[in-house]
Amino acid sequence: MIMKNIFSGKKEYPFHLSIGAVLVNERGQIACHFFKKQQLDFESEGRSDLYLLMRETPQDNESILDTINRGLLEEFGAKGEVVHFIGAINAWFPGVTTGIKIHKTTLYFLVHLSDIDPSKREPNAVESRSDILWFEPEELINLFKEQGSKYERTDLDESKIIEDYLQYVRR
C-alpha cells in the first residue's frame, strides 16, 4: 500500500513535520546553510542572507533516523552519528502554493559529524545552492536571533535549538 505524504502541509491538512539536525564537527562548530538571495527559490519571499540548519520533511514510510541521514547527505554531503533529540520549534508560515497558513513542527537532533564531502549533495535540491558554513554556537545564536527579528517567520529563528544544545553540552 502506498501512503500519501502526511508530513507536508497541504490545503486540506495544513500541518507540516520536519526533522532537523545540529551537525557538530570535532571542534564544536555547527554546520549551517547560508543562502544569498540569488541562491533561493520562490519560497524566499524576498528574503536574503538566510542561515538555516538542516531540515528535511520525512518521505513516505521513512523513519526519523532515515530522514536525518538522507537530509545530511542531500543537504551537506555529510554523514554522522545521531546522539539524541534536542528539542522542537513550532511555527506558522504562509503556504506559498496553498495560500493558507501552515503549522510547522521541526524536531531537532544532535549529530556528531563523521564525514563530509559537499560534492555528494543532491544537485537538484535548493539546499545544494547554499554555502556550507561552520559557526561557533554563540555566533550562530546571534545570527538566528537577528534573522528572526528581521522576518515574520518564526521558524527562521533557530536560536532556541542552539541554546538547548549548549545546555546539553555544558552539563
C-alpha atoms as a PDB file:
ATOM      1  CA  MET A   1       0.000   0.000   0.000  1.00  0.00           C
ATOM      2  CA  ILE A   2       1.412   3.392  -0.986  1.00  0.00           C
ATOM      3  CA  MET A   3       0.759   6.105   1.547  1.00  0.00           C
ATOM      4  CA  LYS A   4       0.437   9.749   0.539  1.00  0.00           C
ATOM      5  CA  ASN A   5       2.840  12.046   2.332  1.00  0.00           C
ATOM      6  CA  ILE A   6       1.065  13.117   5.508  1.00  0.00           C
ATOM      7  CA  PHE A   7       4.001  15.240   6.714  1.00  0.00           C
ATOM      8  CA  SER A   8       3.917  18.008   4.112  1.00  0.00           C
ATOM      9  CA  GLY A   9       1.389  20.804   4.731  1.00  0.00           C
ATOM     10  CA  LYS A  10      -1.430  20.871   2.187  1.00  0.00           C
ATOM     11  CA  LYS A  11      -4.547  22.975   1.861  1.00  0.00           C
ATOM     12  CA  GLU A  12      -6.781  20.182   3.192  1.00  0.00           C
ATOM     13  CA  TYR A  13      -4.370  19.357   6.034  1.00  0.00           C
ATOM     14  CA  PRO A  14      -2.279  22.457   6.899  1.00  0.00           C
ATOM     15  CA  PHE A  15       0.301  20.778   9.134  1.00  0.00           C
ATOM     16  CA  HIS A  16       3.940  20.091   8.324  1.00  0.00           C
ATOM     17  CA  LEU A  17       6.564  17.982  10.099  1.00  0.00           C
ATOM     18  CA  SER A  18      10.283  18.486   9.532  1.00  0.00           C
ATOM     19  CA  ILE A  19      13.289  16.747  11.039  1.00  0.00           C
ATOM     20  CA  GLY A  20      16.310  18.940  11.765  1.00  0.00           C
ATOM     21  CA  ALA A  21      19.928  18.289  12.677  1.00  0.00           C
ATOM     22  CA  VAL A  22      22.512  20.202  14.652  1.00  0.00           C
ATOM     23  CA  LEU A  23      25.584  18.838  12.886  1.00  0.00           C
ATOM     24  CA  VAL A  24      28.668  19.372  15.063  1.00  0.00           C
ATOM     25  CA  ASN A  25      32.288  18.890  13.996  1.00  0.00           C
ATOM     26  CA  GLU A  26      35.238  17.839  16.190  1.00  0.00           C
ATOM     27  CA  ARG A  27      35.937  21.500  17.081  1.00  0.00           C
ATOM     28  CA  GLY A  28      32.395  22.040  18.393  1.00  0.00           C
ATOM     29  CA  GLN A  29      31.318  24.140  15.418  1.00  0.00           C
ATOM     30  CA  ILE A  30      27.857  23.757  13.890  1.00  0.00           C
ATOM     31  CA  ALA A  31      27.147  23.353  10.159  1.00  0.00           C
ATOM     32  CA  CYS A  32      24.751  25.863   8.692  1.00  0.00           C
ATOM     33  CA  HIS A  33      23.364  26.714   5.266  1.00  0.00           C
ATOM     34  CA  PHE A  34      23.987  30.253   4.095  1.00  0.00           C
ATOM     35  CA  PHE A  35      21.766  31.377   1.237  1.00  0.00           C
ATOM     36  CA  LYS A  36      22.392  34.562  -0.691  1.00  0.00           C
ATOM     37  CA  LYS A  37      19.248  35.973  -2.314  1.00  0.00           C
ATOM     38  CA  GLN A  38      20.171  34.639  -5.758  1.00  0.00           C
ATOM     39  CA  GLN A  39      20.522  31.099  -4.349  1.00  0.00           C
ATOM     40  CA  LEU A  40      16.921  30.961  -3.120  1.00  0.00           C
ATOM     41  CA  ASP A  41      13.765  29.871  -4.905  1.00  0.00           C
ATOM     42  CA  PHE A  42      10.178  31.163  -4.841  1.00  0.00           C
ATOM     43  CA  GLU A  43       9.770  30.364  -1.129  1.00  0.00           C
ATOM     44  CA  SER A  44      12.309  33.031  -0.164  1.00  0.00           C
ATOM     45  CA  GLU A  45       9.593  35.707  -0.381  1.00  0.00           C
ATOM     46  CA  GLY A  46      12.144  38.473  -0.884  1.00  0.00           C
ATOM     47  CA  ARG A  47      14.472  37.329   1.874  1.00  0.00           C
ATOM     48  CA  SER A  48      18.216  37.310   1.512  1.00  0.00           C
ATOM     49  CA  ASP A  49      21.161  36.137   3.559  1.00  0.00           C
ATOM     50  CA  LEU A  50      19.348  33.249   5.260  1.00  0.00           C
ATOM     51  CA  TYR A  51      21.062  30.947   7.732  1.00  0.00           C
ATOM     52  CA  LEU A  52      19.411  27.571   8.295  1.00  0.00           C
ATOM     53  CA  LEU A  53      20.179  24.280   9.979  1.00  0.00           C
ATOM     54  CA  MET A  54      19.492  21.050   8.134  1.00  0.00           C
ATOM     55  CA  ARG A  55      15.748  20.393   7.913  1.00  0.00           C
ATOM     56  CA  GLU A  56      14.011  17.692   5.919  1.00  0.00           C
ATOM     57  CA  THR A  57      10.445  16.506   5.508  1.00  0.00           C
ATOM     58  CA  PRO A  58      10.104  12.741   6.035  1.00  0.00           C
ATOM     59  CA  GLN A  59       9.263  10.801   2.901  1.00  0.00           C
ATOM     60  CA  ASP A  60       6.550   8.156   2.831  1.00  0.00           C
ATOM     61  CA  ASN A  61       7.267   5.361   5.329  1.00  0.00           C
ATOM     62  CA  GLU A  62      10.649   6.892   6.265  1.00  0.00           C
ATOM     63  CA  SER A  63      11.849   6.746   9.881  1.00  0.00           C
ATOM     64  CA  ILE A  64      13.209   9.773  11.749  1.00  0.00           C
ATOM     65  CA  LEU A  65      16.752   8.365  11.636  1.00  0.00           C
ATOM     66  CA  ASP A  66      16.474   7.678   7.913  1.00  0.00           C
ATOM     67  CA  THR A  67      15.231  11.243   7.366  1.00  0.00           C
ATOM     68  CA  ILE A  68      18.221  12.642   9.276  1.00  0.00           C
ATOM     69  CA  ASN A  69      20.706  10.514   7.349  1.00  0.00           C
ATOM     70  CA  ARG A  70      19.122  11.365   3.983  1.00  0.00           C
ATOM     71  CA  GLY A  71      18.941  15.058   4.890  1.00  0.00           C
ATOM     72  CA  LEU A  72      22.583  15.226   5.958  1.00  0.00           C
ATOM     73  CA  LEU A  73      23.709  13.611   2.723  1.00  0.00           C
ATOM     74  CA  GLU A  74      21.406  15.597   0.419  1.00  0.00           C
ATOM     75  CA  GLU A  75      21.941  18.979   2.072  1.00  0.00           C
ATOM     76  CA  PHE A  76      25.589  18.841   3.228  1.00  0.00           C
ATOM     77  CA  GLY A  77      27.083  15.702   1.674  1.00  0.00           C
ATOM     78  CA  ALA A  78      27.649  14.578   5.261  1.00  0.00           C
ATOM     79  CA  LYS A  79      27.355  11.510   7.440  1.00  0.00           C
ATOM     80  CA  GLY A  80      27.194  11.474  11.191  1.00  0.00           C
ATOM     81  CA  GLU A  81      26.209   9.764  14.404  1.00  0.00           C
ATOM     82  CA  VAL A  82      22.803  10.737  15.798  1.00  0.00           C
ATOM     83  CA  VAL A  83      23.372  11.365  19.510  1.00  0.00           C
ATOM     84  CA  HIS A  84      19.963  12.389  20.846  1.00  0.00           C
ATOM     85  CA  PHE A  85      16.865  14.584  20.499  1.00  0.00           C
ATOM     86  CA  ILE A  86      17.490  18.257  21.367  1.00  0.00           C
ATOM     87  CA  GLY A  87      14.119  19.992  21.062  1.00  0.00           C
ATOM     88  CA  ALA A  88      11.458  21.341  18.731  1.00  0.00           C
ATOM     89  CA  ILE A  89      10.246  24.554  17.167  1.00  0.00           C
ATOM     90  CA  ASN A  90       6.575  25.128  16.403  1.00  0.00           C
ATOM     91  CA  ALA A  91       5.771  27.828  13.876  1.00  0.00           C
ATOM     92  CA  TRP A  92       3.184  29.104  11.443  1.00  0.00           C
ATOM     93  CA  PHE A  93       4.162  30.236   7.966  1.00  0.00           C
ATOM     94  CA  PRO A  94       2.276  31.252   4.832  1.00  0.00           C
ATOM     95  CA  GLY A  95       1.961  28.422   2.336  1.00  0.00           C
ATOM     96  CA  VAL A  96       3.126  29.965  -0.918  1.00  0.00           C
ATOM     97  CA  THR A  97       1.439  27.382  -3.125  1.00  0.00           C
ATOM     98  CA  THR A  98      -1.615  26.759  -0.899  1.00  0.00           C
ATOM     99  CA  GLY A  99      -2.498  30.344   0.046  1.00  0.00           C
ATOM    100  CA  ILE A 100      -3.140  29.294   3.661  1.00  0.00           C
ATOM    101  CA  LYS A 101      -1.057  29.287   6.848  1.00  0.00           C
ATOM    102  CA  ILE A 102       0.776  26.054   7.586  1.00  0.00           C
ATOM    103  CA  HIS A 103       1.544  24.886  11.129  1.00  0.00           C
ATOM    104  CA  LYS A 104       5.096  23.520  11.101  1.00  0.00           C
ATOM    105  CA  THR A 105       6.798  21.461  13.791  1.00  0.00           C
ATOM    106  CA  THR A 106      10.505  20.748  13.427  1.00  0.00           C
ATOM    107  CA  LEU A 107      12.147  18.123  15.641  1.00  0.00           C
ATOM    108  CA  TYR A 108      15.911  18.652  16.058  1.00  0.00           C
ATOM    109  CA  PHE A 109      18.599  16.072  16.818  1.00  0.00           C
ATOM    110  CA  LEU A 110      22.266  16.400  17.776  1.00  0.00           C
ATOM    111  CA  VAL A 111      24.534  14.723  15.222  1.00  0.00           C
ATOM    112  CA  HIS A 112      28.314  14.322  15.501  1.00  0.00           C
ATOM    113  CA  LEU A 113      29.973  14.657  12.091  1.00  0.00           C
ATOM    114  CA  SER A 114      31.850  11.588  10.858  1.00  0.00           C
ATOM    115  CA  ASP A 115      32.418  12.533   7.186  1.00  0.00           C
ATOM    116  CA  ILE A 116      31.613  15.369   4.798  1.00  0.00           C
ATOM    117  CA  ASP A 117      32.007  15.699   1.041  1.00  0.00           C
ATOM    118  CA  PRO A 118      29.946  18.583  -0.386  1.00  0.00           C
ATOM    119  CA  SER A 119      30.252  17.089  -3.887  1.00  0.00           C
ATOM    120  CA  LYS A 120      27.780  14.398  -2.727  1.00  0.00           C
ATOM    121  CA  ARG A 121      24.983  16.938  -2.146  1.00  0.00           C
ATOM    122  CA  GLU A 122      21.731  16.405  -4.043  1.00  0.00           C
ATOM    123  CA  PRO A 123      22.291  18.592  -7.139  1.00  0.00           C
ATOM    124  CA  ASN A 124      18.598  19.339  -7.726  1.00  0.00           C
ATOM    125  CA  ALA A 125      17.829  20.353  -4.132  1.00  0.00           C
ATOM    126  CA  VAL A 126      17.518  24.024  -3.151  1.00  0.00           C
ATOM    127  CA  GLU A 127      19.970  23.335  -0.311  1.00  0.00           C
ATOM    128  CA  SER A 128      22.710  22.378  -2.773  1.00  0.00           C
ATOM    129  CA  ARG A 129      22.826  26.051  -3.805  1.00  0.00           C
ATOM    130  CA  SER A 130      23.785  27.176  -0.299  1.00  0.00           C
ATOM    131  CA  ASP A 131      27.238  27.769   1.066  1.00  0.00           C
ATOM    132  CA  ILE A 132      28.047  25.436   3.964  1.00  0.00           C
ATOM    133  CA  LEU A 133      29.451  27.471   6.835  1.00  0.00           C
ATOM    134  CA  TRP A 134      30.662  26.395  10.278  1.00  0.00           C
ATOM    135  CA  PHE A 135      29.913  28.586  13.288  1.00  0.00           C
ATOM    136  CA  GLU A 136      30.664  28.671  16.977  1.00  0.00           C
ATOM    137  CA  PRO A 137      27.332  28.107  18.781  1.00  0.00           C
ATOM    138  CA  GLU A 138      27.187  31.599  20.343  1.00  0.00           C
ATOM    139  CA  GLU A 139      27.777  33.259  16.968  1.00  0.00           C
ATOM    140  CA  LEU A 140      25.025  31.176  15.380  1.00  0.00           C
ATOM    141  CA  ILE A 141      22.603  32.075  18.173  1.00  0.00           C
ATOM    142  CA  ASN A 142      23.170  35.765  17.423  1.00  0.00           C
ATOM    143  CA  LEU A 143      22.713  35.266  13.663  1.00  0.00           C
ATOM    144  CA  PHE A 144      19.467  33.341  14.178  1.00  0.00           C
ATOM    145  CA  LYS A 145      18.085  35.949  16.593  1.00  0.00           C
ATOM    146  CA  GLU A 146      18.859  38.774  14.150  1.00  0.00           C
ATOM    147  CA  GLN A 147      17.253  36.797  11.341  1.00  0.00           C
ATOM    148  CA  GLY A 148      14.194  36.055  13.466  1.00  0.00           C
ATOM    149  CA  SER A 149      13.647  39.720  14.258  1.00  0.00           C
ATOM    150  CA  LYS A 150      14.107  40.674  10.585  1.00  0.00           C
ATOM    151  CA  TYR A 151      11.473  38.325   9.124  1.00  0.00           C
ATOM    152  CA  GLU A 152       7.985  37.282  10.189  1.00  0.00           C
ATOM    153  CA  ARG A 153       8.527  33.510  10.013  1.00  0.00           C
ATOM    154  CA  THR A 154       9.301  32.211  13.487  1.00  0.00           C
ATOM    155  CA  ASP A 155      10.851  29.025  12.078  1.00  0.00           C
ATOM    156  CA  LEU A 156      13.718  31.157  10.734  1.00  0.00           C
ATOM    157  CA  ASP A 157      14.966  31.775  14.294  1.00  0.00           C
ATOM    158  CA  GLU A 158      16.598  28.506  15.341  1.00  0.00           C
ATOM    159  CA  SER A 159      18.487  30.111  18.265  1.00  0.00           C
ATOM    160  CA  LYS A 160      16.422  28.184  20.841  1.00  0.00           C
ATOM    161  CA  ILE A 161      17.702  24.892  19.453  1.00  0.00           C
ATOM    162  CA  ILE A 162      21.329  26.011  19.670  1.00  0.00           C
ATOM    163  CA  GLU A 163      20.720  27.261  23.223  1.00  0.00           C
ATOM    164  CA  ASP A 164      19.223  23.858  24.109  1.00  0.00           C
ATOM    165  CA  TYR A 165      22.270  22.180  22.544  1.00  0.00           C
ATOM    166  CA  LEU A 166      24.599  24.324  24.682  1.00  0.00           C
ATOM    167  CA  GLN A 167      22.685  23.404  27.838  1.00  0.00           C
ATOM    168  CA  TYR A 168      23.232  19.753  26.994  1.00  0.00           C
ATOM    169  CA  VAL A 169      26.990  20.017  26.311  1.00  0.00           C
ATOM    170  CA  ARG A 170      27.617  22.168  29.392  1.00  0.00           C
ATOM    171  CA  ARG A 171      26.131  19.654  31.826  1.00  0.00           C
END
